[in-house]
C-alpha atoms as a PDB file:
ATOM      1  CA  MET A   1      81.299  53.093  60.808  1.00  0.00           C
ATOM      2  CA  SER A   2      79.063  51.252  58.388  1.00  0.00           C
ATOM      3  CA  ARG A   3      77.542  52.711  55.314  1.00  0.00           C
ATOM      4  CA  ARG A   4      74.203  51.531  54.136  1.00  0.00           C
ATOM      5  CA  ALA A   5      72.656  51.937  50.689  1.00  0.00           C
ATOM      6  CA  TYR A   6      69.698  54.248  50.152  1.00  0.00           C
ATOM      7  CA  VAL A   7      66.685  52.087  49.056  1.00  0.00           C
ATOM      8  CA  PRO A   8      63.446  54.165  48.452  1.00  0.00           C
ATOM      9  CA  ASN A   9      60.199  52.675  50.007  1.00  0.00           C
ATOM     10  CA  ILE A  10      57.816  51.654  47.167  1.00  0.00           C
ATOM     11  CA  ALA A  11      55.278  49.702  49.110  1.00  0.00           C
ATOM     12  CA  SER A  12      52.656  52.622  48.739  1.00  0.00           C
ATOM     13  CA  ALA A  13      53.086  52.734  44.892  1.00  0.00           C
ATOM     14  CA  ARG A  14      52.840  48.981  44.374  1.00  0.00           C
ATOM     15  CA  GLY A  15      49.419  48.672  42.951  1.00  0.00           C
ATOM     16  CA  SER A  16      49.118  52.144  41.397  1.00  0.00           C
ATOM     17  CA  ALA A  17      51.574  51.853  38.539  1.00  0.00           C
ATOM     18  CA  VAL A  18      51.241  48.197  37.439  1.00  0.00           C
ATOM     19  CA  PRO A  19      47.760  46.833  36.285  1.00  0.00           C
ATOM     20  CA  ARG A  20      46.476  43.622  37.593  1.00  0.00           C
ATOM     21  CA  ARG A  21      47.358  40.511  35.678  1.00  0.00           C
ATOM     22  CA  SER A  22      43.968  39.985  34.245  1.00  0.00           C
ATOM     23  CA  GLU A  23      43.980  43.704  33.013  1.00  0.00           C
ATOM     24  CA  ARG A  24      47.314  43.070  31.322  1.00  0.00           C
ATOM     25  CA  ARG A  25      46.335  40.070  29.560  1.00  0.00           C
ATOM     26  CA  ALA A  26      42.946  41.451  28.287  1.00  0.00           C
ATOM     27  CA  SER A  27      44.637  44.658  27.028  1.00  0.00           C
ATOM     28  CA  SER A  28      47.543  42.749  25.377  1.00  0.00           C
ATOM     29  CA  PHE A  29      45.044  40.578  23.260  1.00  0.00           C
ATOM     30  CA  LYS A  30      42.922  43.621  22.260  1.00  0.00           C
ATOM     31  CA  THR A  31      45.755  45.826  20.997  1.00  0.00           C
ATOM     32  CA  CYS A  32      48.127  43.203  19.647  1.00  0.00           C
ATOM     33  CA  ASP A  33      50.437  45.008  17.205  1.00  0.00           C
ATOM     34  CA  ALA A  34      53.255  42.292  17.179  1.00  0.00           C
ATOM     35  CA  GLY A  35      54.152  40.260  14.119  1.00  0.00           C
ATOM     36  CA  PHE A  36      54.050  40.950  10.383  1.00  0.00           C
ATOM     37  CA  HIS A  37      50.854  42.363   9.509  1.00  0.00           C
ATOM     38  CA  GLY A  38      51.311  44.943   6.809  1.00  0.00           C
ATOM     39  CA  ALA A  39      53.258  45.039   3.549  1.00  0.00           C
ATOM     40  CA  THR A  40      57.046  45.077   3.646  1.00  0.00           C
ATOM     41  CA  THR A  41      58.781  48.432   3.148  1.00  0.00           C
ATOM     42  CA  PRO A  42      62.339  48.279   1.649  1.00  0.00           C
ATOM     43  CA  THR A  43      64.742  50.368   3.497  1.00  0.00           C
ATOM     44  CA  ALA A  44      67.620  49.903   1.406  1.00  0.00           C
ATOM     45  CA  SER A  45      68.326  49.747  -2.333  1.00  0.00           C
ATOM     46  CA  SER A  46      68.376  46.416  -4.136  1.00  0.00           C
ATOM     47  CA  HIS A  47      71.955  47.096  -5.328  1.00  0.00           C
ATOM     48  CA  LEU A  48      73.108  47.615  -1.748  1.00  0.00           C
ATOM     49  CA  SER A  49      71.390  44.402  -0.642  1.00  0.00           C
ATOM     50  CA  ASN A  50      73.038  42.470  -3.551  1.00  0.00           C
ATOM     51  CA  ALA A  51      76.446  43.926  -2.588  1.00  0.00           C
ATOM     52  CA  VAL A  52      76.057  42.866   0.866  1.00  0.00           C
ATOM     53  CA  ALA A  53      74.866  39.457  -0.109  1.00  0.00           C
ATOM     54  CA  ALA A  54      77.884  39.095  -2.415  1.00  0.00           C
ATOM     55  CA  THR A  55      80.350  40.374   0.293  1.00  0.00           C
ATOM     56  CA  ILE A  56      78.977  37.652   2.704  1.00  0.00           C
ATOM     57  CA  ALA A  57      79.275  35.025   0.000  1.00  0.00           C
ATOM     58  CA  VAL A  58      82.945  35.943  -0.804  1.00  0.00           C
ATOM     59  CA  GLY A  59      83.739  36.114   2.993  1.00  0.00           C
ATOM     60  CA  THR A  60      82.366  32.676   3.466  1.00  0.00           C
ATOM     61  CA  LEU A  61      84.039  31.053   0.551  1.00  0.00           C
ATOM     62  CA  SER A  62      87.396  32.490   1.613  1.00  0.00           C
ATOM     63  CA  LEU A  63      86.889  31.277   5.105  1.00  0.00           C
ATOM     64  CA  CYS A  64      86.083  27.945   3.925  1.00  0.00           C
ATOM     65  CA  ALA A  65      89.228  27.906   1.649  1.00  0.00           C
ATOM     66  CA  GLY A  66      91.352  29.007   4.539  1.00  0.00           C
ATOM     67  CA  VAL A  67      90.038  26.261   6.892  1.00  0.00           C
ATOM     68  CA  THR A  68      90.497  23.595   4.227  1.00  0.00           C
ATOM     69  CA  LEU A  69      94.185  24.570   3.622  1.00  0.00           C
ATOM     70  CA  ALA A  70      94.713  24.632   7.380  1.00  0.00           C
ATOM     71  CA  VAL A  71      93.352  21.062   7.531  1.00  0.00           C
ATOM     72  CA  LEU A  72      95.402  19.868   4.592  1.00  0.00           C
ATOM     73  CA  ALA A  73      98.457  21.449   6.128  1.00  0.00           C
ATOM     74  CA  ILE A  74      97.994  19.701   9.408  1.00  0.00           C
ATOM     75  CA  LYS A  75      97.281  16.321   7.804  1.00  0.00           C
ATOM     76  CA  ALA A  76     100.426  16.743   5.664  1.00  0.00           C
ATOM     77  CA  SER A  77     102.651  17.587   8.795  1.00  0.00           C
ATOM     78  CA  LEU A  78     101.227  14.631  10.659  1.00  0.00           C
ATOM     79  CA  ALA A  79     102.070  12.349   7.752  1.00  0.00           C
ATOM     80  CA  LEU A  80     105.788  13.205   8.009  1.00  0.00           C
ATOM     81  CA  PRO A  81     108.075  11.045   9.899  1.00  0.00           C
ATOM     82  CA  ILE A  82     109.515  12.316  13.100  1.00  0.00           C
ATOM     83  CA  PRO A  83     113.159  13.018  12.887  1.00  0.00           C
ATOM     84  CA  THR A  84     115.334  11.124  15.428  1.00  0.00           C
END
C-alpha cells in the first residue's frame, strides 16, 4: 500500500494572485520606501548605548588578553626540551 502526499492544484490561480513582471517593476519604483529617508529616532537611552559599548570593549580586550596568554603558553611549552 503506497501513500501519496496531497498537493493542491494551483494552476487556475497562477495569474490571479501574482502581478506581471512589468507591473511589479513599475510599482516597486513608484512606491519605494526602502533606505534611510527620514531623521533617525533613538530607541534607547544614550547611557544604555554607552554601557553596551563599554561592555563590548571590555569583552574584546579580555578575549584578546586570553588569546595572547594562550599563544605565549604554547610558545613556552614548545621551547622546553622533551624529556627522554
